[in-house]
N, C-alpha and C. Protein backbone atom coordinates (compact mmCIF):
# COMPACT_ATOMS: atom_id res chain seq x y z
N MET A 1 -13.26 27.31 -2.62
CA MET A 1 -12.22 26.37 -2.42
C MET A 1 -11.63 26.30 -1.21
N ASN A 2 -11.40 24.84 0.21
CA ASN A 2 -10.16 25.11 1.13
C ASN A 2 -8.87 24.50 0.67
N THR A 3 -7.69 25.30 0.75
CA THR A 3 -7.04 24.61 -0.23
C THR A 3 -6.72 23.13 -0.13
N LYS A 4 -7.30 22.76 1.28
CA LYS A 4 -6.84 20.99 1.52
C LYS A 4 -8.00 19.86 0.41
N ASP A 5 -9.12 20.80 -0.27
CA ASP A 5 -9.96 20.05 -1.15
C ASP A 5 -9.07 19.83 -2.23
N ILE A 6 -9.53 18.19 -3.15
CA ILE A 6 -8.32 18.04 -4.04
C ILE A 6 -9.78 18.44 -5.08
N PRO A 7 -9.19 18.90 -6.46
CA PRO A 7 -10.53 19.36 -7.59
C PRO A 7 -9.96 18.20 -8.21
N PHE A 8 -11.54 17.80 -9.08
CA PHE A 8 -11.22 16.39 -10.06
C PHE A 8 -10.42 17.25 -10.52
N GLN A 9 -9.66 15.61 -10.62
CA GLN A 9 -8.25 14.95 -12.02
C GLN A 9 -8.35 14.05 -12.13
N VAL A 10 -8.20 13.14 -13.26
CA VAL A 10 -7.83 11.80 -13.97
C VAL A 10 -6.47 11.76 -13.87
N ILE A 11 -6.38 10.61 -13.35
CA ILE A 11 -3.97 10.50 -13.24
C ILE A 11 -4.55 9.27 -14.38
N ASP A 12 -3.30 9.07 -14.96
CA ASP A 12 -2.91 8.51 -16.41
C ASP A 12 -1.90 7.89 -15.29
N TRP A 13 -1.13 6.69 -14.90
CA TRP A 13 -0.60 5.75 -13.69
C TRP A 13 0.39 5.36 -15.42
N THR A 14 -0.33 5.41 -16.49
CA THR A 14 1.47 5.71 -17.48
C THR A 14 1.61 6.81 -18.39
N LEU A 15 1.60 7.74 -17.59
CA LEU A 15 2.93 8.52 -17.42
C LEU A 15 3.44 9.16 -15.83
N SER A 16 2.99 7.95 -15.35
CA SER A 16 3.86 8.75 -13.78
C SER A 16 5.39 7.21 -13.68
N GLN A 17 6.40 8.13 -13.30
CA GLN A 17 7.71 7.30 -12.95
C GLN A 17 6.98 6.06 -11.31
N LYS A 18 8.49 4.93 -12.28
CA LYS A 18 8.34 4.29 -10.99
C LYS A 18 9.32 4.46 -9.67
N THR A 19 9.66 4.78 -8.83
CA THR A 19 10.24 4.87 -7.86
C THR A 19 10.54 2.97 -6.54
N GLU A 20 12.00 3.50 -7.82
CA GLU A 20 11.99 1.63 -7.05
C GLU A 20 13.00 1.80 -5.61
N TYR A 21 12.42 0.40 -4.46
CA TYR A 21 12.99 0.72 -3.34
C TYR A 21 13.13 -1.10 -2.79
N LYS A 22 13.97 -1.71 -2.13
CA LYS A 22 14.50 -2.62 -2.26
C LYS A 22 14.06 -3.44 -1.53
N GLY A 23 13.43 -4.77 -0.89
CA GLY A 23 12.92 -5.28 0.50
C GLY A 23 13.95 -5.68 0.75
N GLU A 24 13.70 -6.50 1.86
CA GLU A 24 14.61 -7.25 3.22
C GLU A 24 15.02 -8.50 1.02
N LYS A 25 13.67 -9.27 0.70
CA LYS A 25 14.01 -9.61 -0.49
C LYS A 25 12.98 -9.20 -1.35
N GLY A 26 13.64 -8.99 -2.85
CA GLY A 26 13.06 -8.25 -3.61
C GLY A 26 12.92 -6.77 -3.76
N LEU A 27 12.61 -7.05 -4.90
CA LEU A 27 12.30 -4.99 -5.19
C LEU A 27 10.92 -4.65 -5.37
N ALA A 28 10.03 -3.14 -4.75
CA ALA A 28 9.39 -2.77 -4.95
C ALA A 28 9.54 -1.66 -5.93
N PHE A 29 8.15 -1.17 -6.18
CA PHE A 29 8.39 0.33 -7.23
C PHE A 29 6.72 0.38 -7.36
N TRP A 30 6.96 2.12 -6.57
CA TRP A 30 6.13 2.85 -6.32
C TRP A 30 5.84 3.58 -7.69
N GLN A 31 4.38 4.69 -7.53
CA GLN A 31 4.16 5.29 -8.16
C GLN A 31 3.32 5.97 -8.04
N THR A 32 3.38 7.04 -7.51
CA THR A 32 3.05 7.89 -6.00
C THR A 32 2.67 8.98 -6.80
N LEU A 33 0.70 9.36 -6.45
CA LEU A 33 0.27 10.84 -6.53
C LEU A 33 0.01 11.42 -4.88
N GLN A 34 1.16 12.65 -4.84
CA GLN A 34 0.89 12.88 -2.59
C GLN A 34 0.45 14.12 -3.45
N LEU A 35 -1.19 14.38 -2.87
CA LEU A 35 -2.13 15.16 -2.05
C LEU A 35 -1.95 15.56 -0.53
N HIS A 36 -3.01 16.77 -0.80
CA HIS A 36 -2.19 17.35 0.77
C HIS A 36 -3.26 16.29 1.81
N GLY A 37 -2.26 15.06 2.61
CA GLY A 37 -2.84 14.36 4.01
C GLY A 37 -3.64 13.19 2.91
N LEU A 38 -2.96 13.03 1.57
CA LEU A 38 -3.57 12.18 1.16
C LEU A 38 -2.29 12.01 0.04
N ARG A 39 -2.64 10.29 0.24
CA ARG A 39 -1.76 9.63 -0.77
C ARG A 39 -2.28 8.19 -1.35
N ILE A 40 -1.56 8.13 -3.02
CA ILE A 40 -1.97 7.10 -3.45
C ILE A 40 -1.52 6.83 -4.53
N ARG A 41 -1.12 5.39 -4.49
CA ARG A 41 -0.05 4.91 -4.96
C ARG A 41 0.50 3.47 -5.59
N ILE A 42 0.64 3.15 -6.95
CA ILE A 42 0.24 1.58 -7.81
C ILE A 42 1.51 0.77 -6.85
N VAL A 43 1.47 0.36 -6.61
CA VAL A 43 2.42 -0.92 -6.35
C VAL A 43 2.69 -1.79 -7.23
N GLU A 44 4.14 -2.00 -6.76
CA GLU A 44 3.96 -3.64 -7.56
C GLU A 44 5.08 -4.35 -7.17
N TYR A 45 4.77 -5.47 -6.21
CA TYR A 45 6.29 -6.53 -5.71
C TYR A 45 6.89 -6.96 -6.60
N SER A 46 8.86 -7.49 -7.38
CA SER A 46 8.82 -8.36 -7.34
C SER A 46 8.18 -10.30 -7.50
N PRO A 47 9.11 -10.86 -7.94
CA PRO A 47 8.21 -12.26 -7.28
C PRO A 47 9.99 -12.56 -6.13
N GLY A 48 9.78 -12.74 -4.59
CA GLY A 48 9.57 -13.85 -4.17
C GLY A 48 10.46 -12.15 -3.07
N TYR A 49 9.44 -11.44 -3.08
CA TYR A 49 9.63 -9.41 -2.67
C TYR A 49 9.13 -10.45 -0.99
N LEU A 50 9.97 -9.64 0.26
CA LEU A 50 9.48 -9.55 0.95
C LEU A 50 9.20 -8.43 2.14
N ALA A 51 9.01 -7.38 2.90
CA ALA A 51 8.65 -6.39 3.17
C ALA A 51 10.14 -6.56 3.93
N ASP A 52 11.23 -4.82 3.85
CA ASP A 52 12.11 -4.84 5.33
C ASP A 52 11.99 -4.23 6.38
N HIS A 53 10.22 -3.90 6.27
CA HIS A 53 10.03 -3.49 7.60
C HIS A 53 8.60 -3.55 8.27
N TRP A 54 7.78 -3.23 9.48
CA TRP A 54 7.53 -3.78 10.19
C TRP A 54 6.41 -2.34 9.46
N CYS A 55 5.68 -2.87 8.62
CA CYS A 55 4.59 -1.32 8.73
C CYS A 55 3.92 -0.74 10.16
N LYS A 56 3.29 0.39 10.56
CA LYS A 56 2.21 0.03 11.55
C LYS A 56 1.44 1.64 11.02
N LYS A 57 1.39 2.18 9.81
CA LYS A 57 0.88 2.43 9.29
C LYS A 57 -0.78 2.67 8.18
N GLY A 58 -1.37 3.20 8.64
CA GLY A 58 -2.93 2.77 7.82
C GLY A 58 -2.69 2.72 6.38
N HIS A 59 -3.41 1.57 6.43
CA HIS A 59 -3.86 1.85 4.72
C HIS A 59 -5.38 1.09 3.99
N ILE A 60 -5.27 1.75 2.78
CA ILE A 60 -6.40 0.39 2.27
C ILE A 60 -5.56 -0.20 1.14
N VAL A 61 -5.50 -0.91 1.02
CA VAL A 61 -4.70 -1.69 -0.41
C VAL A 61 -5.35 -2.24 -1.02
N HIS A 62 -5.60 -2.68 -2.33
CA HIS A 62 -6.54 -3.39 -3.07
C HIS A 62 -6.16 -4.23 -4.15
N CYS A 63 -6.39 -5.64 -4.05
CA CYS A 63 -4.94 -6.30 -5.04
C CYS A 63 -5.52 -6.41 -6.19
N LEU A 64 -4.08 -6.02 -7.30
CA LEU A 64 -5.30 -5.33 -8.63
C LEU A 64 -4.78 -6.84 -9.51
N GLU A 65 -3.36 -7.11 -9.37
CA GLU A 65 -3.48 -8.66 -10.09
C GLU A 65 -2.31 -9.05 -9.12
N GLY A 66 -2.61 -10.87 -9.13
CA GLY A 66 -2.14 -11.28 -8.37
C GLY A 66 -2.51 -11.84 -7.15
N GLU A 67 -1.11 -12.39 -5.99
CA GLU A 67 -1.28 -12.22 -4.93
C GLU A 67 -0.40 -11.81 -3.98
N PHE A 68 -1.16 -11.75 -2.87
CA PHE A 68 0.38 -11.35 -1.44
C PHE A 68 -0.11 -11.75 -0.08
N GLU A 69 1.00 -12.03 0.49
CA GLU A 69 0.09 -12.41 2.08
C GLU A 69 0.58 -11.00 2.96
N SER A 70 -0.07 -10.68 3.73
CA SER A 70 -0.58 -9.93 4.39
C SER A 70 0.19 -10.44 5.88
N GLU A 71 1.16 -10.29 6.58
CA GLU A 71 1.68 -11.19 7.67
C GLU A 71 1.72 -10.14 9.17
N LEU A 72 1.15 -9.83 9.97
CA LEU A 72 1.13 -9.04 11.12
C LEU A 72 1.89 -10.10 11.97
N GLN A 73 2.94 -8.93 13.04
CA GLN A 73 4.27 -8.90 13.73
C GLN A 73 3.43 -9.91 14.80
N ASP A 74 2.33 -10.31 15.27
CA ASP A 74 1.29 -11.89 16.39
C ASP A 74 1.57 -12.73 15.41
N GLY A 75 2.14 -13.14 14.17
CA GLY A 75 2.32 -14.23 13.49
C GLY A 75 0.71 -14.62 12.41
N GLU A 76 0.01 -13.19 12.33
CA GLU A 76 -1.75 -14.07 11.71
C GLU A 76 -1.50 -13.94 10.33
N LYS A 77 -2.00 -14.21 9.14
CA LYS A 77 -1.05 -14.40 8.19
C LYS A 77 -2.34 -13.95 7.50
N PHE A 78 -2.69 -13.48 6.07
CA PHE A 78 -4.16 -13.89 4.81
C PHE A 78 -3.65 -13.44 4.13
N LEU A 79 -3.74 -14.40 3.19
CA LEU A 79 -3.36 -14.20 1.72
C LEU A 79 -4.69 -13.88 0.80
N LEU A 80 -4.75 -12.26 0.08
CA LEU A 80 -5.06 -11.67 -0.37
C LEU A 80 -5.13 -11.82 -2.08
N LYS A 81 -5.50 -12.02 -2.85
CA LYS A 81 -5.45 -12.36 -4.23
C LYS A 81 -6.69 -11.33 -5.49
N LYS A 82 -6.35 -11.43 -6.95
CA LYS A 82 -6.70 -9.77 -6.88
C LYS A 82 -8.76 -9.31 -6.32
N GLY A 83 -8.98 -8.66 -6.66
CA GLY A 83 -10.09 -8.67 -6.52
C GLY A 83 -10.57 -8.08 -5.40
N MET A 84 -9.27 -8.02 -3.66
CA MET A 84 -9.42 -9.24 -2.57
C MET A 84 -8.84 -7.22 -1.87
N THR A 85 -9.12 -6.55 -0.68
CA THR A 85 -8.67 -5.70 -0.29
C THR A 85 -8.81 -5.40 1.42
N TYR A 86 -7.67 -5.12 1.61
CA TYR A 86 -7.70 -4.98 3.55
C TYR A 86 -7.48 -3.33 3.79
N VAL A 87 -7.67 -3.37 5.16
CA VAL A 87 -7.59 -2.20 5.40
C VAL A 87 -8.32 -1.60 6.60
N VAL A 88 -7.78 -0.90 7.98
CA VAL A 88 -6.51 -1.05 9.20
C VAL A 88 -6.24 0.51 9.37
N SER A 89 -6.15 1.35 9.91
CA SER A 89 -6.22 2.64 10.80
C SER A 89 -4.63 3.16 10.99
N ASP A 90 -4.20 3.45 10.85
CA ASP A 90 -2.80 3.77 12.24
C ASP A 90 -2.78 3.30 13.28
N GLU A 91 -1.53 2.82 13.38
CA GLU A 91 -1.31 2.21 14.80
C GLU A 91 -1.49 1.94 15.46
N VAL A 92 -2.56 0.75 14.36
CA VAL A 92 -3.29 -0.54 15.09
C VAL A 92 -3.27 -1.65 14.99
N SER A 93 -1.93 -1.85 13.57
CA SER A 93 -1.17 -3.54 13.41
C SER A 93 0.52 -3.06 12.93
N SER A 94 0.68 -3.70 13.41
CA SER A 94 2.85 -4.21 12.69
C SER A 94 2.49 -4.90 11.50
N HIS A 95 2.87 -4.64 10.26
CA HIS A 95 2.27 -5.53 9.60
C HIS A 95 3.63 -5.71 7.90
N ARG A 96 3.32 -6.29 7.25
CA ARG A 96 4.95 -6.58 6.25
C ARG A 96 3.73 -8.10 5.09
N SER A 97 4.56 -6.55 3.65
CA SER A 97 3.71 -7.74 2.69
C SER A 97 5.17 -9.05 2.46
N THR A 98 4.46 -10.01 1.69
CA THR A 98 5.33 -11.21 0.73
C THR A 98 4.20 -11.63 -0.38
N THR A 99 5.35 -12.07 -0.82
CA THR A 99 4.94 -13.23 -2.61
C THR A 99 5.68 -13.39 -3.10
N LYS A 100 5.17 -14.89 -3.59
CA LYS A 100 5.86 -16.06 -4.34
C LYS A 100 5.98 -14.96 -5.35
N ASN A 101 4.51 -15.41 -6.54
CA ASN A 101 4.25 -14.58 -7.54
C ASN A 101 4.48 -12.97 -8.15
N GLY A 102 5.21 -12.45 -7.47
CA GLY A 102 4.84 -10.40 -7.72
C GLY A 102 2.80 -10.26 -7.58
N VAL A 103 2.76 -9.37 -7.79
CA VAL A 103 1.77 -8.97 -6.61
C VAL A 103 1.54 -7.26 -7.31
N LYS A 104 0.60 -6.51 -8.07
CA LYS A 104 0.07 -5.01 -8.03
C LYS A 104 -1.00 -4.67 -7.09
N LEU A 105 -0.54 -3.77 -6.16
CA LEU A 105 -1.15 -3.70 -5.57
C LEU A 105 -1.98 -1.56 -5.36
N LEU A 106 -3.61 -1.40 -5.07
CA LEU A 106 -3.59 0.20 -5.61
C LEU A 106 -3.91 0.53 -3.87
N ILE A 107 -2.92 1.33 -3.51
CA ILE A 107 -2.73 1.02 -2.22
C ILE A 107 -3.47 3.66 -2.35
N ILE A 108 -4.20 2.95 -1.13
CA ILE A 108 -4.26 4.85 -0.90
C ILE A 108 -4.16 4.73 0.70
N ASP A 109 -3.75 5.91 1.48
CA ASP A 109 -3.38 6.02 2.71
C ASP A 109 -3.11 7.55 3.20
N GLY A 110 -3.21 7.92 3.41
CA GLY A 110 -3.35 9.54 4.49
C GLY A 110 -4.45 9.71 6.15
N ASP A 111 -4.54 10.84 6.21
CA ASP A 111 -4.67 11.39 7.40
C ASP A 111 -5.83 10.55 8.37
N PHE A 112 -6.94 10.21 7.28
CA PHE A 112 -8.10 10.01 7.76
C PHE A 112 -8.03 8.33 8.77
N LEU A 113 -6.63 7.99 7.94
CA LEU A 113 -6.41 6.73 8.64
C LEU A 113 -6.01 6.48 10.26
N GLN A 114 -5.48 7.79 10.92
CA GLN A 114 -5.16 8.77 11.87
C GLN A 114 -6.75 8.03 13.00
N MET A 115 -5.97 7.56 14.20
CA MET A 115 -6.59 6.76 14.84
C MET A 115 -6.93 8.16 15.87
N LYS A 116 -8.60 8.27 15.76
CA LYS A 116 -9.60 9.57 16.88
C LYS A 116 -9.88 9.32 18.11
N SER A 117 -9.65 9.77 19.22
CA SER A 117 -9.13 9.56 21.04
C SER A 117 -10.57 10.36 21.15
N GLU A 118 -11.61 8.84 21.53
CA GLU A 118 -12.88 9.36 21.83
C GLU A 118 -13.57 9.81 23.14
C-alpha cells in the first residue's frame, strides 16, 4: 500500500470535536478529518454568518441542511439549498459564503483540485 493511499474507514462525526472560527459576522464550526492531500469537513455556519475573507481554494461543497449564498468577488451570487452542491478548482475564483438562517455543509478539498497545466 502506498503511504498516500486512504484505507477504508468509517467517520463518526458525532465523535469529532468542533472548532470555532469567527466570520466577519457570526461563527463557523468545523469538524475536520485531515488525510494526506485530502481534507473532509462538516461545517456549520451560524445564522447571520458572513465569511471574513475571499477564498481562492478549490472545494466541493454540498449543502446538508439549510441554505447559503456563495458570492464571487465579481459580484455574481449563487443560492444553494439542501441537496445542492458546487465545485471549483484552486485559484479559479474568489468566493465567500453567507447565510441568513444558518447552514450545515459537507466540504471536501485537497490536492486533486489544484489546477493542472496542459
